[in-house]
Amino acid sequence: MNNSINPSTVFTLKELVNYADGAVVSKTLTKNKSGNTTLFAFDKGQGLSEHTAPFDAIAQIVDGKCKITIGGKDFELEEGQMILMPATIPHALEAIEPFKMMLIMIKDPK
């Protein structure tokens, strides 16, 4: 197990990662054989180009606003919203304004 957060401790997600001018910042919160949890901070205009992943992923927006494209369909998400990005379906992210998200990758136990 590779965790950067202490168990049985209360955290405020927004405070665990900071914005950086013109950049994307990430911090792995938990990582194990079942998947991982990563917190990201995207400056306005930053993003991730279209790609696929071998596992389902949940994007939970914890600050700001972004556009997530899944299979060619655009979704605008803001703080408090989440979306499931299915395995093997192309997806991309773009910061409409600076935003932070928690990404939960769920690996297939097979």
N, C-alpha and C. Protein backbone atom coordinates (compact mmCIF):
# COMPACT_ATOMS: atom_id res chain seq x y z
N MET A 1 0.85 -1.18 0.00
CA MET A 1 0.00 0.00 0.00
C MET A 1 0.90 1.24 0.00
N ASN A 2 0.52 2.24 -0.80
CA ASN A 2 1.30 3.45 -0.91
C ASN A 2 0.37 4.64 -0.74
N ASN A 3 0.23 5.13 0.47
CA ASN A 3 -0.67 6.23 0.74
C ASN A 3 0.11 7.45 1.20
N SER A 4 -0.31 8.63 0.73
CA SER A 4 0.32 9.86 1.18
C SER A 4 -0.51 10.56 2.24
N ILE A 5 -1.63 9.97 2.61
CA ILE A 5 -2.45 10.53 3.69
C ILE A 5 -2.50 9.52 4.83
N ASN A 6 -2.63 10.05 6.03
CA ASN A 6 -2.68 9.19 7.20
C ASN A 6 -4.09 8.66 7.41
N PRO A 7 -4.22 7.38 7.74
CA PRO A 7 -5.54 6.83 8.01
C PRO A 7 -6.15 7.43 9.27
N SER A 8 -7.46 7.36 9.36
CA SER A 8 -8.20 7.84 10.53
C SER A 8 -7.90 9.31 10.83
N THR A 9 -7.75 10.10 9.76
CA THR A 9 -7.49 11.53 9.89
C THR A 9 -8.45 12.26 8.95
N VAL A 10 -9.02 13.35 9.44
CA VAL A 10 -9.95 14.14 8.64
C VAL A 10 -9.17 15.16 7.82
N PHE A 11 -9.48 15.24 6.51
CA PHE A 11 -8.83 16.18 5.61
C PHE A 11 -9.89 16.98 4.87
N THR A 12 -9.52 18.16 4.43
CA THR A 12 -10.33 18.96 3.52
C THR A 12 -9.67 18.85 2.16
N LEU A 13 -10.35 18.21 1.20
CA LEU A 13 -9.74 17.92 -0.10
C LEU A 13 -9.13 19.16 -0.76
N LYS A 14 -9.84 20.28 -0.73
CA LYS A 14 -9.36 21.49 -1.39
C LYS A 14 -7.99 21.93 -0.89
N GLU A 15 -7.67 21.57 0.35
CA GLU A 15 -6.43 22.03 0.96
C GLU A 15 -5.24 21.08 0.75
N LEU A 16 -5.48 19.92 0.17
CA LEU A 16 -4.41 18.92 0.01
C LEU A 16 -3.53 19.14 -1.22
N VAL A 17 -3.99 19.98 -2.16
CA VAL A 17 -3.19 20.28 -3.35
C VAL A 17 -3.43 21.75 -3.72
N ASN A 18 -2.36 22.42 -4.18
CA ASN A 18 -2.45 23.84 -4.51
C ASN A 18 -2.37 24.05 -6.02
N TYR A 19 -2.99 25.14 -6.47
CA TYR A 19 -2.87 25.54 -7.86
C TYR A 19 -1.46 26.05 -8.14
N ALA A 20 -1.02 25.89 -9.40
CA ALA A 20 0.25 26.45 -9.85
C ALA A 20 -0.02 27.13 -11.20
N ASP A 21 0.53 28.31 -11.40
CA ASP A 21 0.31 29.06 -12.64
C ASP A 21 0.69 28.24 -13.86
N GLY A 22 -0.26 28.10 -14.79
CA GLY A 22 -0.02 27.43 -16.06
C GLY A 22 0.31 25.95 -15.96
N ALA A 23 -0.15 25.30 -14.89
CA ALA A 23 0.25 23.91 -14.68
C ALA A 23 -0.88 23.04 -14.15
N VAL A 24 -0.60 21.75 -14.17
CA VAL A 24 -1.45 20.74 -13.53
C VAL A 24 -0.63 20.13 -12.41
N VAL A 25 -1.18 20.12 -11.21
CA VAL A 25 -0.50 19.56 -10.05
C VAL A 25 -1.29 18.34 -9.60
N SER A 26 -0.59 17.27 -9.25
CA SER A 26 -1.29 16.07 -8.77
C SER A 26 -0.64 15.55 -7.50
N LYS A 27 -1.47 14.91 -6.68
CA LYS A 27 -0.99 14.29 -5.45
C LYS A 27 -1.72 12.96 -5.28
N THR A 28 -0.97 11.87 -5.24
CA THR A 28 -1.58 10.56 -5.01
C THR A 28 -1.95 10.45 -3.54
N LEU A 29 -3.23 10.17 -3.29
CA LEU A 29 -3.71 10.05 -1.92
C LEU A 29 -3.62 8.60 -1.43
N THR A 30 -4.08 7.68 -2.27
CA THR A 30 -4.02 6.25 -1.94
C THR A 30 -3.67 5.47 -3.20
N LYS A 31 -2.98 4.35 -3.00
CA LYS A 31 -2.65 3.48 -4.13
C LYS A 31 -2.47 2.07 -3.60
N ASN A 32 -3.22 1.14 -4.23
CA ASN A 32 -3.08 -0.28 -3.88
C ASN A 32 -3.52 -1.12 -5.07
N LYS A 33 -3.54 -2.43 -4.92
CA LYS A 33 -3.84 -3.31 -6.05
C LYS A 33 -5.27 -3.13 -6.58
N SER A 34 -6.16 -2.54 -5.80
CA SER A 34 -7.55 -2.35 -6.23
C SER A 34 -7.76 -1.06 -7.00
N GLY A 35 -6.80 -0.13 -6.92
CA GLY A 35 -6.93 1.13 -7.62
C GLY A 35 -6.18 2.23 -6.91
N ASN A 36 -6.47 3.47 -7.30
CA ASN A 36 -5.81 4.58 -6.63
C ASN A 36 -6.71 5.80 -6.62
N THR A 37 -6.36 6.72 -5.73
CA THR A 37 -7.08 7.98 -5.58
C THR A 37 -6.06 9.10 -5.71
N THR A 38 -6.31 10.01 -6.65
CA THR A 38 -5.37 11.10 -6.91
C THR A 38 -6.12 12.42 -6.90
N LEU A 39 -5.53 13.43 -6.29
CA LEU A 39 -6.11 14.76 -6.27
C LEU A 39 -5.35 15.62 -7.27
N PHE A 40 -6.07 16.35 -8.11
CA PHE A 40 -5.47 17.20 -9.14
C PHE A 40 -5.91 18.64 -8.96
N ALA A 41 -5.02 19.57 -9.32
CA ALA A 41 -5.35 21.00 -9.42
C ALA A 41 -4.92 21.46 -10.80
N PHE A 42 -5.88 21.96 -11.59
CA PHE A 42 -5.64 22.43 -12.96
C PHE A 42 -5.79 23.94 -12.99
N ASP A 43 -4.81 24.65 -13.52
CA ASP A 43 -4.96 26.08 -13.74
C ASP A 43 -5.89 26.28 -14.94
N LYS A 44 -6.50 27.45 -15.04
CA LYS A 44 -7.41 27.75 -16.16
C LYS A 44 -6.71 27.48 -17.48
N GLY A 45 -7.42 26.79 -18.39
CA GLY A 45 -6.89 26.49 -19.71
C GLY A 45 -6.06 25.22 -19.78
N GLN A 46 -5.70 24.68 -18.64
CA GLN A 46 -4.93 23.43 -18.61
C GLN A 46 -5.88 22.24 -18.76
N GLY A 47 -5.34 21.09 -19.09
CA GLY A 47 -6.19 19.92 -19.23
C GLY A 47 -5.40 18.67 -19.50
N LEU A 48 -6.13 17.64 -19.82
CA LEU A 48 -5.55 16.37 -20.26
C LEU A 48 -6.13 16.07 -21.62
N SER A 49 -5.27 15.82 -22.61
CA SER A 49 -5.75 15.54 -23.96
C SER A 49 -6.48 14.20 -23.98
N GLU A 50 -7.21 13.97 -25.05
CA GLU A 50 -8.01 12.75 -25.15
C GLU A 50 -7.14 11.51 -25.01
N HIS A 51 -7.61 10.59 -24.18
CA HIS A 51 -6.90 9.34 -23.93
C HIS A 51 -7.91 8.30 -23.44
N THR A 52 -7.47 7.08 -23.31
CA THR A 52 -8.31 6.03 -22.72
C THR A 52 -7.58 5.47 -21.50
N ALA A 53 -8.33 4.79 -20.67
CA ALA A 53 -7.77 4.13 -19.50
C ALA A 53 -8.36 2.72 -19.44
N PRO A 54 -7.60 1.78 -18.91
CA PRO A 54 -8.09 0.40 -18.87
C PRO A 54 -9.10 0.14 -17.75
N PHE A 55 -9.35 1.16 -16.90
CA PHE A 55 -10.24 1.00 -15.76
C PHE A 55 -11.27 2.11 -15.71
N ASP A 56 -12.42 1.84 -15.09
CA ASP A 56 -13.38 2.90 -14.81
C ASP A 56 -12.73 3.92 -13.89
N ALA A 57 -13.13 5.19 -14.03
CA ALA A 57 -12.62 6.25 -13.17
C ALA A 57 -13.76 7.19 -12.81
N ILE A 58 -13.78 7.63 -11.57
CA ILE A 58 -14.75 8.62 -11.10
C ILE A 58 -14.01 9.93 -10.91
N ALA A 59 -14.52 10.99 -11.54
CA ALA A 59 -13.97 12.33 -11.34
C ALA A 59 -14.93 13.10 -10.45
N GLN A 60 -14.46 13.51 -9.28
CA GLN A 60 -15.26 14.28 -8.30
C GLN A 60 -14.67 15.68 -8.25
N ILE A 61 -15.45 16.68 -8.65
CA ILE A 61 -14.96 18.07 -8.67
C ILE A 61 -15.07 18.64 -7.26
N VAL A 62 -13.95 19.13 -6.74
CA VAL A 62 -13.95 19.66 -5.37
C VAL A 62 -13.77 21.18 -5.33
N ASP A 63 -13.50 21.79 -6.49
CA ASP A 63 -13.37 23.24 -6.56
C ASP A 63 -13.40 23.64 -8.03
N GLY A 64 -14.00 24.77 -8.34
CA GLY A 64 -13.96 25.31 -9.69
C GLY A 64 -14.90 24.65 -10.68
N LYS A 65 -14.55 24.78 -11.97
CA LYS A 65 -15.40 24.30 -13.05
C LYS A 65 -14.54 23.76 -14.18
N CYS A 66 -15.01 22.65 -14.80
CA CYS A 66 -14.26 22.04 -15.90
C CYS A 66 -15.20 21.49 -16.96
N LYS A 67 -14.59 21.16 -18.09
CA LYS A 67 -15.30 20.44 -19.14
C LYS A 67 -14.64 19.07 -19.26
N ILE A 68 -15.47 18.04 -19.19
CA ILE A 68 -14.98 16.68 -19.39
C ILE A 68 -15.69 16.13 -20.62
N THR A 69 -14.92 15.61 -21.56
CA THR A 69 -15.47 15.03 -22.77
C THR A 69 -15.31 13.51 -22.68
N ILE A 70 -16.41 12.80 -22.84
CA ILE A 70 -16.39 11.34 -22.78
C ILE A 70 -17.05 10.82 -24.05
N GLY A 71 -16.31 10.06 -24.83
CA GLY A 71 -16.85 9.51 -26.06
C GLY A 71 -17.41 10.57 -26.99
N GLY A 72 -16.78 11.74 -27.04
CA GLY A 72 -17.20 12.82 -27.93
C GLY A 72 -18.31 13.71 -27.38
N LYS A 73 -18.83 13.42 -26.19
CA LYS A 73 -19.89 14.22 -25.58
C LYS A 73 -19.31 15.07 -24.45
N ASP A 74 -19.61 16.39 -24.48
CA ASP A 74 -19.09 17.32 -23.48
C ASP A 74 -20.01 17.42 -22.27
N PHE A 75 -19.38 17.50 -21.10
CA PHE A 75 -20.08 17.69 -19.84
C PHE A 75 -19.37 18.80 -19.08
N GLU A 76 -20.14 19.79 -18.56
CA GLU A 76 -19.57 20.82 -17.70
C GLU A 76 -19.88 20.43 -16.27
N LEU A 77 -18.84 20.35 -15.46
CA LEU A 77 -19.00 19.99 -14.06
C LEU A 77 -18.46 21.09 -13.17
N GLU A 78 -19.05 21.21 -11.98
CA GLU A 78 -18.58 22.19 -11.01
C GLU A 78 -18.52 21.54 -9.64
N GLU A 79 -18.02 22.31 -8.69
CA GLU A 79 -17.83 21.81 -7.34
C GLU A 79 -19.04 21.02 -6.84
N GLY A 80 -18.76 19.84 -6.30
CA GLY A 80 -19.81 19.00 -5.74
C GLY A 80 -20.36 17.97 -6.72
N GLN A 81 -20.00 18.07 -7.99
CA GLN A 81 -20.49 17.13 -8.98
C GLN A 81 -19.44 16.09 -9.31
N MET A 82 -19.90 14.95 -9.81
CA MET A 82 -18.98 13.87 -10.21
C MET A 82 -19.51 13.20 -11.45
N ILE A 83 -18.63 12.45 -12.11
CA ILE A 83 -19.02 11.71 -13.31
C ILE A 83 -18.15 10.45 -13.40
N LEU A 84 -18.74 9.40 -13.94
CA LEU A 84 -18.02 8.14 -14.17
C LEU A 84 -17.50 8.14 -15.60
N MET A 85 -16.21 7.93 -15.74
CA MET A 85 -15.60 7.82 -17.06
C MET A 85 -15.33 6.33 -17.28
N PRO A 86 -16.09 5.70 -18.17
CA PRO A 86 -15.96 4.24 -18.36
C PRO A 86 -14.63 3.82 -18.97
N ALA A 87 -14.18 2.65 -18.58
CA ALA A 87 -12.95 2.08 -19.12
C ALA A 87 -13.02 2.00 -20.64
N THR A 88 -11.92 2.23 -21.28
CA THR A 88 -11.67 2.13 -22.73
C THR A 88 -12.40 3.16 -23.58
N ILE A 89 -13.19 4.05 -23.00
CA ILE A 89 -13.88 5.10 -23.76
C ILE A 89 -13.00 6.35 -23.74
N PRO A 90 -12.68 6.92 -24.90
CA PRO A 90 -11.83 8.12 -24.92
C PRO A 90 -12.44 9.26 -24.10
N HIS A 91 -11.59 9.94 -23.34
CA HIS A 91 -12.05 11.08 -22.55
C HIS A 91 -10.94 12.12 -22.46
N ALA A 92 -11.35 13.36 -22.17
CA ALA A 92 -10.42 14.48 -22.05
C ALA A 92 -10.98 15.44 -21.01
N LEU A 93 -10.09 16.28 -20.44
CA LEU A 93 -10.49 17.26 -19.44
C LEU A 93 -9.92 18.61 -19.79
N GLU A 94 -10.67 19.68 -19.50
CA GLU A 94 -10.20 21.04 -19.72
C GLU A 94 -10.72 21.94 -18.62
N ALA A 95 -9.84 22.78 -18.08
CA ALA A 95 -10.22 23.71 -17.01
C ALA A 95 -10.88 24.95 -17.61
N ILE A 96 -12.18 25.10 -17.39
CA ILE A 96 -12.91 26.31 -17.79
C ILE A 96 -12.44 27.46 -16.91
N GLU A 97 -12.21 27.15 -15.65
CA GLU A 97 -11.59 28.04 -14.67
C GLU A 97 -10.71 27.12 -13.82
N PRO A 98 -9.85 27.66 -12.98
CA PRO A 98 -9.06 26.74 -12.16
C PRO A 98 -10.00 25.76 -11.44
N PHE A 99 -9.62 24.49 -11.47
CA PHE A 99 -10.46 23.51 -10.77
C PHE A 99 -9.60 22.41 -10.15
N LYS A 100 -10.19 21.80 -9.12
CA LYS A 100 -9.56 20.67 -8.45
C LYS A 100 -10.50 19.49 -8.53
N MET A 101 -9.92 18.31 -8.71
CA MET A 101 -10.75 17.10 -8.75
C MET A 101 -10.03 15.95 -8.08
N MET A 102 -10.85 15.08 -7.52
CA MET A 102 -10.34 13.82 -7.01
C MET A 102 -10.69 12.77 -8.04
N LEU A 103 -9.68 12.02 -8.47
CA LEU A 103 -9.87 10.96 -9.46
C LEU A 103 -9.71 9.61 -8.76
N ILE A 104 -10.73 8.79 -8.86
CA ILE A 104 -10.70 7.46 -8.26
C ILE A 104 -10.68 6.44 -9.38
N MET A 105 -9.56 5.72 -9.50
CA MET A 105 -9.42 4.66 -10.50
C MET A 105 -9.81 3.35 -9.85
N ILE A 106 -10.70 2.62 -10.50
CA ILE A 106 -11.23 1.37 -9.95
C ILE A 106 -10.76 0.23 -10.84
N LYS A 107 -9.81 -0.55 -10.36
CA LYS A 107 -9.26 -1.63 -11.16
C LYS A 107 -10.17 -2.86 -11.09
N ASP A 108 -10.21 -3.59 -12.18
CA ASP A 108 -10.97 -4.83 -12.25
C ASP A 108 -10.22 -5.88 -11.45
N PRO A 109 -10.89 -6.55 -10.50
CA PRO A 109 -10.17 -7.51 -9.65
C PRO A 109 -9.74 -8.77 -10.35
N LYS A 110 -10.10 -8.96 -11.62
CA LYS A 110 -9.76 -10.18 -12.35
C LYS A 110 -8.29 -10.27 -12.65
